[in-house]
């Protein structure tokens, strides 16, 4: 089987951060023999998350078995996810923002046996729903645990307690029409209704400015999906939350905004 070198578009700081976590975990476990050192295991996991390389290709490139590569990636992801902020911790930073942008995205998955909860009627595909909060510059601040793709964005936001948390923190939040009825500090564009077939000129102007603000939030979604493993998850959808949380931790380390 042929192998080839490949670059990972991440800084050495990100690699060192993950390697340090792995070394600390290995010291805690003690006495276990490892096929790769902590630095190589960290590189293997980053290649899978950032480049979306398959486990089989990684196993060949790092000269380990497929089962070992799979176990190493899973261990690294779970270790990172354990260091991710929950919503309460993230709200301490979100509360200091001038305003926030709330958006939802669908991460595609392979079809599963119990596929109905994961089928999104809006996107016409199977996936998991992840809610994203961005700041006024479109920088990723927080990403929610994953819900089955059939969940509506407003339902997902309420399930995670986002609308209540943002309102309690008095954070002005811009969101699209999918969040109509959220109330509180969540602002959505005006929507045409049967009794109001046309919007007034003022409402149309408000909607245009609202859309310009929300468009910036797409950068945060693009940041999440820049990690190629999320192009299409080929694992159990219940692993999606740990993967997203691991990516969130790595993103904050990469950008130098590690909340710890």
C-alpha atoms as a PDB file:
ATOM      1  CA  UNK A   1       0.000   0.000   0.000  1.00  0.00           C
ATOM      2  CA  UNK A   2       1.328   3.454  -0.917  1.00  0.00           C
ATOM      3  CA  UNK A   3       1.528   6.299   1.604  1.00  0.00           C
ATOM      4  CA  UNK A   4       2.187  10.010   1.225  1.00  0.00           C
ATOM      5  CA  UNK A   5       2.901  13.027   3.477  1.00  0.00           C
ATOM      6  CA  UNK A   6       0.147  15.561   4.070  1.00  0.00           C
ATOM      7  CA  UNK A   7       0.037  19.001   5.677  1.00  0.00           C
ATOM      8  CA  UNK A   8      -2.420  20.022   8.403  1.00  0.00           C
ATOM      9  CA  UNK A   9      -3.408  23.693   8.311  1.00  0.00           C
ATOM     10  CA  UNK A  10      -2.990  24.303  12.039  1.00  0.00           C
ATOM     11  CA  UNK A  11      -0.371  25.982  14.206  1.00  0.00           C
ATOM     12  CA  UNK A  12       2.194  24.161  16.314  1.00  0.00           C
ATOM     13  CA  UNK A  13       0.491  25.730  19.351  1.00  0.00           C
ATOM     14  CA  UNK A  14      -2.595  23.628  18.628  1.00  0.00           C
ATOM     15  CA  UNK A  15      -0.508  20.475  18.276  1.00  0.00           C
ATOM     16  CA  UNK A  16       1.393  21.197  21.494  1.00  0.00           C
ATOM     17  CA  UNK A  17      -1.835  21.871  23.390  1.00  0.00           C
ATOM     18  CA  UNK A  18      -3.323  18.532  22.412  1.00  0.00           C
ATOM     19  CA  UNK A  19      -0.048  16.702  23.029  1.00  0.00           C
ATOM     20  CA  UNK A  20       0.194  18.206  26.531  1.00  0.00           C
ATOM     21  CA  UNK A  21      -3.322  17.004  27.335  1.00  0.00           C
ATOM     22  CA  UNK A  22      -2.463  13.518  26.111  1.00  0.00           C
ATOM     23  CA  UNK A  23       0.769  13.402  28.129  1.00  0.00           C
ATOM     24  CA  UNK A  24      -1.079  14.425  31.275  1.00  0.00           C
ATOM     25  CA  UNK A  25      -3.713  11.755  30.650  1.00  0.00           C
ATOM     26  CA  UNK A  26      -1.054   9.091  30.058  1.00  0.00           C
ATOM     27  CA  UNK A  27       0.724  10.070  33.268  1.00  0.00           C
ATOM     28  CA  UNK A  28      -2.563   9.709  35.111  1.00  0.00           C
ATOM     29  CA  UNK A  29      -3.183   6.219  33.699  1.00  0.00           C
ATOM     30  CA  UNK A  30       0.416   4.994  34.179  1.00  0.00           C
ATOM     31  CA  UNK A  31       2.030   1.807  32.966  1.00  0.00           C
ATOM     32  CA  UNK A  32       0.233   1.459  29.654  1.00  0.00           C
ATOM     33  CA  UNK A  33       2.256   0.808  26.492  1.00  0.00           C
ATOM     34  CA  UNK A  34       1.561   3.186  23.610  1.00  0.00           C
ATOM     35  CA  UNK A  35       2.294   2.519  19.944  1.00  0.00           C
ATOM     36  CA  UNK A  36       2.730   6.263  19.242  1.00  0.00           C
ATOM     37  CA  UNK A  37       4.076   8.979  21.501  1.00  0.00           C
ATOM     38  CA  UNK A  38       1.758  11.806  22.574  1.00  0.00           C
ATOM     39  CA  UNK A  39       2.918  14.171  19.844  1.00  0.00           C
ATOM     40  CA  UNK A  40       2.266  11.639  17.067  1.00  0.00           C
ATOM     41  CA  UNK A  41      -1.111  10.712  18.520  1.00  0.00           C
ATOM     42  CA  UNK A  42      -2.037  14.407  18.615  1.00  0.00           C
ATOM     43  CA  UNK A  43      -0.964  14.801  14.976  1.00  0.00           C
ATOM     44  CA  UNK A  44      -2.992  11.746  13.975  1.00  0.00           C
ATOM     45  CA  UNK A  45      -6.123  13.147  15.626  1.00  0.00           C
ATOM     46  CA  UNK A  46      -5.637  16.608  14.114  1.00  0.00           C
ATOM     47  CA  UNK A  47      -5.228  15.111  10.643  1.00  0.00           C
ATOM     48  CA  UNK A  48      -8.553  13.347  11.053  1.00  0.00           C
ATOM     49  CA  UNK A  49     -10.388  16.400  12.400  1.00  0.00           C
ATOM     50  CA  UNK A  50      -8.902  19.066  10.143  1.00  0.00           C
ATOM     51  CA  UNK A  51      -8.315  17.157   6.911  1.00  0.00           C
ATOM     52  CA  UNK A  52     -11.075  14.588   7.246  1.00  0.00           C
ATOM     53  CA  UNK A  53      -8.652  11.760   6.469  1.00  0.00           C
ATOM     54  CA  UNK A  54     -10.203   8.342   6.891  1.00  0.00           C
ATOM     55  CA  UNK A  55      -9.096   6.062   9.690  1.00  0.00           C
ATOM     56  CA  UNK A  56      -7.746   3.560   7.167  1.00  0.00           C
ATOM     57  CA  UNK A  57      -5.531   6.204   5.532  1.00  0.00           C
ATOM     58  CA  UNK A  58      -4.334   7.463   8.891  1.00  0.00           C
ATOM     59  CA  UNK A  59      -3.497   3.932  10.002  1.00  0.00           C
ATOM     60  CA  UNK A  60      -1.355   3.480   6.893  1.00  0.00           C
ATOM     61  CA  UNK A  61       0.352   6.856   7.244  1.00  0.00           C
ATOM     62  CA  UNK A  62       1.217   6.376  10.922  1.00  0.00           C
ATOM     63  CA  UNK A  63       2.054   2.667  10.596  1.00  0.00           C
ATOM     64  CA  UNK A  64      -0.519   1.464  13.118  1.00  0.00           C
ATOM     65  CA  UNK A  65      -3.515  -0.821  12.846  1.00  0.00           C
ATOM     66  CA  UNK A  66      -6.937   0.547  11.932  1.00  0.00           C
ATOM     67  CA  UNK A  67      -8.285  -0.303  15.388  1.00  0.00           C
ATOM     68  CA  UNK A  68      -5.370   1.507  17.063  1.00  0.00           C
ATOM     69  CA  UNK A  69      -5.847   4.590  14.881  1.00  0.00           C
ATOM     70  CA  UNK A  70      -9.571   4.616  15.640  1.00  0.00           C
ATOM     71  CA  UNK A  71      -8.913   4.291  19.396  1.00  0.00           C
ATOM     72  CA  UNK A  72      -6.283   7.033  19.390  1.00  0.00           C
ATOM     73  CA  UNK A  73      -8.577   9.468  17.567  1.00  0.00           C
ATOM     74  CA  UNK A  74     -11.487   8.694  19.852  1.00  0.00           C
ATOM     75  CA  UNK A  75      -9.353   9.157  22.989  1.00  0.00           C
ATOM     76  CA  UNK A  76      -8.054  12.514  21.781  1.00  0.00           C
ATOM     77  CA  UNK A  77     -11.540  13.766  20.872  1.00  0.00           C
ATOM     78  CA  UNK A  78     -13.025  12.728  24.201  1.00  0.00           C
ATOM     79  CA  UNK A  79     -10.170  14.354  26.094  1.00  0.00           C
ATOM     80  CA  UNK A  80     -10.632  17.646  24.232  1.00  0.00           C
ATOM     81  CA  UNK A  81     -14.413  17.554  24.587  1.00  0.00           C
ATOM     82  CA  UNK A  82     -14.048  17.204  28.350  1.00  0.00           C
ATOM     83  CA  UNK A  83     -12.351  20.631  28.375  1.00  0.00           C
ATOM     84  CA  UNK A  84     -15.078  22.380  26.364  1.00  0.00           C
ATOM     85  CA  UNK A  85     -17.100  25.184  27.925  1.00  0.00           C
ATOM     86  CA  UNK A  86     -20.748  24.643  28.734  1.00  0.00           C
ATOM     87  CA  UNK A  87     -23.276  27.377  27.980  1.00  0.00           C
ATOM     88  CA  UNK A  88     -23.093  28.901  31.464  1.00  0.00           C
ATOM     89  CA  UNK A  89     -19.331  29.359  31.188  1.00  0.00           C
ATOM     90  CA  UNK A  90     -19.598  30.719  27.646  1.00  0.00           C
ATOM     91  CA  UNK A  91     -22.281  33.225  28.687  1.00  0.00           C
ATOM     92  CA  UNK A  92     -19.748  35.037  30.849  1.00  0.00           C
ATOM     93  CA  UNK A  93     -17.972  36.012  27.640  1.00  0.00           C
ATOM     94  CA  UNK A  94     -21.080  36.357  25.491  1.00  0.00           C
ATOM     95  CA  UNK A  95     -22.574  38.743  28.053  1.00  0.00           C
ATOM     96  CA  UNK A  96     -19.730  41.191  27.371  1.00  0.00           C
ATOM     97  CA  UNK A  97     -20.472  41.381  23.636  1.00  0.00           C
ATOM     98  CA  UNK A  98     -22.121  44.378  22.043  1.00  0.00           C
ATOM     99  CA  UNK A  99     -24.464  41.928  20.353  1.00  0.00           C
ATOM    100  CA  UNK A 100     -24.451  38.291  19.287  1.00  0.00           C
ATOM    101  CA  UNK A 101     -25.530  36.382  16.190  1.00  0.00           C
ATOM    102  CA  UNK A 102     -27.367  33.072  16.535  1.00  0.00           C
ATOM    103  CA  UNK A 103     -27.550  30.580  13.687  1.00  0.00           C
ATOM    104  CA  UNK A 104     -28.082  26.884  13.144  1.00  0.00           C
ATOM    105  CA  UNK A 105     -26.338  24.511  10.770  1.00  0.00           C
ATOM    106  CA  UNK A 106     -26.845  20.933   9.641  1.00  0.00           C
ATOM    107  CA  UNK A 107     -23.876  18.561   9.722  1.00  0.00           C
ATOM    108  CA  UNK A 108     -24.492  15.730   7.220  1.00  0.00           C
ATOM    109  CA  UNK A 109     -24.284  12.128   8.388  1.00  0.00           C
ATOM    110  CA  UNK A 110     -24.568   8.699   6.818  1.00  0.00           C
ATOM    111  CA  UNK A 111     -28.026   7.192   6.899  1.00  0.00           C
ATOM    112  CA  UNK A 112     -28.719   5.199  10.037  1.00  0.00           C
ATOM    113  CA  UNK A 113     -31.229   2.510  10.961  1.00  0.00           C
ATOM    114  CA  UNK A 114     -33.451   4.909  12.904  1.00  0.00           C
ATOM    115  CA  UNK A 115     -33.215   7.567  10.223  1.00  0.00           C
ATOM    116  CA  UNK A 116     -36.441   9.545  10.688  1.00  0.00           C
ATOM    117  CA  UNK A 117     -35.233  11.723  13.621  1.00  0.00           C
ATOM    118  CA  UNK A 118     -32.128  12.667  11.625  1.00  0.00           C
ATOM    119  CA  UNK A 119     -33.832  13.681   8.375  1.00  0.00           C
ATOM    120  CA  UNK A 120     -34.044  17.434   7.873  1.00  0.00           C
ATOM    121  CA  UNK A 121     -37.006  18.420   5.737  1.00  0.00           C
ATOM    122  CA  UNK A 122     -35.468  21.838   5.140  1.00  0.00           C
ATOM    123  CA  UNK A 123     -32.160  20.500   3.820  1.00  0.00           C
ATOM    124  CA  UNK A 124     -33.580  17.280   2.365  1.00  0.00           C
ATOM    125  CA  UNK A 125     -30.828  15.171   3.883  1.00  0.00           C
ATOM    126  CA  UNK A 126     -29.834  13.346   7.067  1.00  0.00           C
ATOM    127  CA  UNK A 127     -27.772  15.173   9.628  1.00  0.00           C
ATOM    128  CA  UNK A 128     -27.469  16.670  13.092  1.00  0.00           C
ATOM    129  CA  UNK A 129     -28.439  20.203  14.129  1.00  0.00           C
ATOM    130  CA  UNK A 130     -25.797  22.405  15.788  1.00  0.00           C
ATOM    131  CA  UNK A 131     -26.508  25.923  17.085  1.00  0.00           C
ATOM    132  CA  UNK A 132     -23.725  28.477  16.713  1.00  0.00           C
ATOM    133  CA  UNK A 133     -23.175  31.802  18.497  1.00  0.00           C
ATOM    134  CA  UNK A 134     -20.902  34.389  16.872  1.00  0.00           C
ATOM    135  CA  UNK A 135     -19.764  37.856  17.885  1.00  0.00           C
ATOM    136  CA  UNK A 136     -20.222  41.035  15.829  1.00  0.00           C
ATOM    137  CA  UNK A 137     -17.139  40.201  13.733  1.00  0.00           C
ATOM    138  CA  UNK A 138     -18.393  36.704  12.906  1.00  0.00           C
ATOM    139  CA  UNK A 139     -15.918  34.966  15.210  1.00  0.00           C
ATOM    140  CA  UNK A 140     -17.041  31.648  16.635  1.00  0.00           C
ATOM    141  CA  UNK A 141     -17.839  31.945  20.345  1.00  0.00           C
ATOM    142  CA  UNK A 142     -19.766  28.773  21.169  1.00  0.00           C
ATOM    143  CA  UNK A 143     -21.357  25.754  19.516  1.00  0.00           C
ATOM    144  CA  UNK A 144     -24.092  23.636  21.034  1.00  0.00           C
ATOM    145  CA  UNK A 145     -24.327  19.878  21.481  1.00  0.00           C
ATOM    146  CA  UNK A 146     -25.775  18.162  18.418  1.00  0.00           C
ATOM    147  CA  UNK A 147     -29.463  17.282  18.107  1.00  0.00           C
ATOM    148  CA  UNK A 148     -31.076  15.058  15.453  1.00  0.00           C
ATOM    149  CA  UNK A 149     -31.473  16.939  12.169  1.00  0.00           C
ATOM    150  CA  UNK A 150     -35.267  16.884  12.258  1.00  0.00           C
ATOM    151  CA  UNK A 151     -35.152  19.407  15.121  1.00  0.00           C
ATOM    152  CA  UNK A 152     -36.165  22.913  14.059  1.00  0.00           C
ATOM    153  CA  UNK A 153     -33.688  25.694  14.834  1.00  0.00           C
ATOM    154  CA  UNK A 154     -36.044  27.360  17.306  1.00  0.00           C
ATOM    155  CA  UNK A 155     -36.732  24.046  19.027  1.00  0.00           C
ATOM    156  CA  UNK A 156     -32.991  23.366  19.238  1.00  0.00           C
ATOM    157  CA  UNK A 157     -32.297  26.818  20.686  1.00  0.00           C
ATOM    158  CA  UNK A 158     -34.975  26.332  23.338  1.00  0.00           C
ATOM    159  CA  UNK A 159     -33.789  22.803  24.111  1.00  0.00           C
ATOM    160  CA  UNK A 160     -30.283  24.088  24.835  1.00  0.00           C
ATOM    161  CA  UNK A 161     -31.650  27.024  26.837  1.00  0.00           C
ATOM    162  CA  UNK A 162     -30.095  29.537  24.459  1.00  0.00           C
ATOM    163  CA  UNK A 163     -33.028  31.923  24.241  1.00  0.00           C
ATOM    164  CA  UNK A 164     -33.434  32.072  28.019  1.00  0.00           C
ATOM    165  CA  UNK A 165     -29.684  32.459  28.626  1.00  0.00           C
ATOM    166  CA  UNK A 166     -29.291  35.251  26.068  1.00  0.00           C
ATOM    167  CA  UNK A 167     -32.343  37.054  27.405  1.00  0.00           C
ATOM    168  CA  UNK A 168     -31.224  36.704  31.036  1.00  0.00           C
ATOM    169  CA  UNK A 169     -27.825  38.143  30.085  1.00  0.00           C
ATOM    170  CA  UNK A 170     -29.590  40.947  28.191  1.00  0.00           C
ATOM    171  CA  UNK A 171     -27.553  40.245  25.053  1.00  0.00           C
ATOM    172  CA  UNK A 172     -29.081  41.677  21.878  1.00  0.00           C
ATOM    173  CA  UNK A 173     -29.132  38.721  19.497  1.00  0.00           C
ATOM    174  CA  UNK A 174     -29.786  38.656  15.761  1.00  0.00           C
ATOM    175  CA  UNK A 175     -31.256  35.503  14.205  1.00  0.00           C
ATOM    176  CA  UNK A 176     -33.022  34.527  10.990  1.00  0.00           C
ATOM    177  CA  UNK A 177     -36.702  33.746  10.377  1.00  0.00           C
ATOM    178  CA  UNK A 178     -36.296  30.214  11.703  1.00  0.00           C
ATOM    179  CA  UNK A 179     -36.270  31.730  15.208  1.00  0.00           C
ATOM    180  CA  UNK A 180     -39.574  33.615  14.847  1.00  0.00           C
ATOM    181  CA  UNK A 181     -41.338  33.536  18.208  1.00  0.00           C
ATOM    182  CA  UNK A 182     -38.172  33.135  20.279  1.00  0.00           C
ATOM    183  CA  UNK A 183     -38.922  36.399  22.075  1.00  0.00           C
ATOM    184  CA  UNK A 184     -36.755  37.993  24.713  1.00  0.00           C
ATOM    185  CA  UNK A 185     -33.586  39.584  23.379  1.00  0.00           C
ATOM    186  CA  UNK A 186     -33.608  37.486  20.183  1.00  0.00           C
ATOM    187  CA  UNK A 187     -34.509  39.699  17.211  1.00  0.00           C
ATOM    188  CA  UNK A 188     -35.714  38.234  13.913  1.00  0.00           C
ATOM    189  CA  UNK A 189     -36.655  39.896  10.608  1.00  0.00           C
ATOM    190  CA  UNK A 190     -40.235  40.876   9.801  1.00  0.00           C
ATOM    191  CA  UNK A 191     -42.150  38.116   8.092  1.00  0.00           C
ATOM    192  CA  UNK A 192     -45.033  38.414   5.653  1.00  0.00           C
ATOM    193  CA  UNK A 193     -48.261  36.823   6.833  1.00  0.00           C
ATOM    194  CA  UNK A 194     -51.667  36.109   5.348  1.00  0.00           C
ATOM    195  CA  UNK A 195     -53.154  39.246   6.908  1.00  0.00           C
ATOM    196  CA  UNK A 196     -50.081  41.273   5.884  1.00  0.00           C
ATOM    197  CA  UNK A 197     -49.176  40.209   2.328  1.00  0.00           C
ATOM    198  CA  UNK A 198     -46.654  43.029   1.890  1.00  0.00           C
ATOM    199  CA  UNK A 199     -44.140  44.591   4.243  1.00  0.00           C
ATOM    200  CA  UNK A 200     -43.977  48.307   4.701  1.00  0.00           C
ATOM    201  CA  UNK A 201     -40.993  50.263   3.403  1.00  0.00           C
ATOM    202  CA  UNK A 202     -39.711  50.663   6.951  1.00  0.00           C
ATOM    203  CA  UNK A 203     -39.967  46.923   7.601  1.00  0.00           C
ATOM    204  CA  UNK A 204     -38.129  46.119   4.377  1.00  0.00           C
ATOM    205  CA  UNK A 205     -35.359  48.540   5.359  1.00  0.00           C
ATOM    206  CA  UNK A 206     -35.095  46.922   8.791  1.00  0.00           C
ATOM    207  CA  UNK A 207     -34.910  43.478   7.173  1.00  0.00           C
ATOM    208  CA  UNK A 208     -32.075  44.563   4.843  1.00  0.00           C
ATOM    209  CA  UNK A 209     -29.980  45.870   7.722  1.00  0.00           C
ATOM    210  CA  UNK A 210     -30.842  42.792   9.774  1.00  0.00           C
ATOM    211  CA  UNK A 211     -29.656  40.530   6.936  1.00  0.00           C
ATOM    212  CA  UNK A 212     -26.338  42.402   6.674  1.00  0.00           C
ATOM    213  CA  UNK A 213     -25.671  41.816  10.351  1.00  0.00           C
ATOM    214  CA  UNK A 214     -26.649  38.162  10.206  1.00  0.00           C
ATOM    215  CA  UNK A 215     -24.506  37.547   7.128  1.00  0.00           C
ATOM    216  CA  UNK A 216     -21.414  38.136   9.241  1.00  0.00           C
ATOM    217  CA  UNK A 217     -22.453  35.212  11.440  1.00  0.00           C
ATOM    218  CA  UNK A 218     -22.013  32.854   8.492  1.00  0.00           C
ATOM    219  CA  UNK A 219     -18.279  33.123   9.125  1.00  0.00           C
ATOM    220  CA  UNK A 220     -18.718  31.212  12.381  1.00  0.00           C
ATOM    221  CA  UNK A 221     -20.586  28.435  10.574  1.00  0.00           C
ATOM    222  CA  UNK A 222     -17.840  28.361   7.947  1.00  0.00           C
ATOM    223  CA  UNK A 223     -15.276  28.111  10.760  1.00  0.00           C
ATOM    224  CA  UNK A 224     -16.984  25.002  12.115  1.00  0.00           C
ATOM    225  CA  UNK A 225     -17.268  23.406   8.682  1.00  0.00           C
ATOM    226  CA  UNK A 226     -13.660  24.253   7.858  1.00  0.00           C
ATOM    227  CA  UNK A 227     -12.852  21.136   9.863  1.00  0.00           C
ATOM    228  CA  UNK A 228     -13.284  18.583   7.089  1.00  0.00           C
ATOM    229  CA  UNK A 229     -14.373  15.776   9.381  1.00  0.00           C
ATOM    230  CA  UNK A 230     -17.727  17.604   9.505  1.00  0.00           C
ATOM    231  CA  UNK A 231     -18.143  17.549   5.726  1.00  0.00           C
ATOM    232  CA  UNK A 232     -19.979  14.300   6.396  1.00  0.00           C
ATOM    233  CA  UNK A 233     -19.788  12.368   9.636  1.00  0.00           C
ATOM    234  CA  UNK A 234     -19.176   8.678   9.005  1.00  0.00           C
ATOM    235  CA  UNK A 235     -19.599   7.569  12.586  1.00  0.00           C
ATOM    236  CA  UNK A 236     -22.443   7.138  15.026  1.00  0.00           C
ATOM    237  CA  UNK A 237     -24.376  10.451  15.128  1.00  0.00           C
ATOM    238  CA  UNK A 238     -24.175  10.336  18.926  1.00  0.00           C
ATOM    239  CA  UNK A 239     -20.453  11.073  18.514  1.00  0.00           C
ATOM    240  CA  UNK A 240     -21.223  14.406  16.838  1.00  0.00           C
ATOM    241  CA  UNK A 241     -21.407  16.354  20.110  1.00  0.00           C
ATOM    242  CA  UNK A 242     -17.952  15.249  21.276  1.00  0.00           C
ATOM    243  CA  UNK A 243     -16.459  16.040  17.857  1.00  0.00           C
ATOM    244  CA  UNK A 244     -18.001  19.526  17.730  1.00  0.00           C
ATOM    245  CA  UNK A 245     -16.883  20.285  21.286  1.00  0.00           C
ATOM    246  CA  UNK A 246     -13.345  19.080  20.524  1.00  0.00           C
ATOM    247  CA  UNK A 247     -13.246  21.321  17.458  1.00  0.00           C
ATOM    248  CA  UNK A 248     -14.480  24.276  19.518  1.00  0.00           C
ATOM    249  CA  UNK A 249     -11.643  23.801  22.014  1.00  0.00           C
ATOM    250  CA  UNK A 250      -9.058  23.518  19.231  1.00  0.00           C
ATOM    251  CA  UNK A 251     -10.440  26.593  17.486  1.00  0.00           C
ATOM    252  CA  UNK A 252     -10.049  28.703  20.615  1.00  0.00           C
ATOM    253  CA  UNK A 253      -6.503  27.451  21.084  1.00  0.00           C
ATOM    254  CA  UNK A 254      -5.679  28.088  17.422  1.00  0.00           C
ATOM    255  CA  UNK A 255      -6.970  31.659  17.560  1.00  0.00           C
ATOM    256  CA  UNK A 256      -5.330  32.381  20.902  1.00  0.00           C
ATOM    257  CA  UNK A 257      -8.667  32.823  22.683  1.00  0.00           C
ATOM    258  CA  UNK A 258      -8.552  29.782  24.914  1.00  0.00           C
ATOM    259  CA  UNK A 259     -11.038  30.695  27.697  1.00  0.00           C
ATOM    260  CA  UNK A 260      -8.929  28.850  30.265  1.00  0.00           C
END
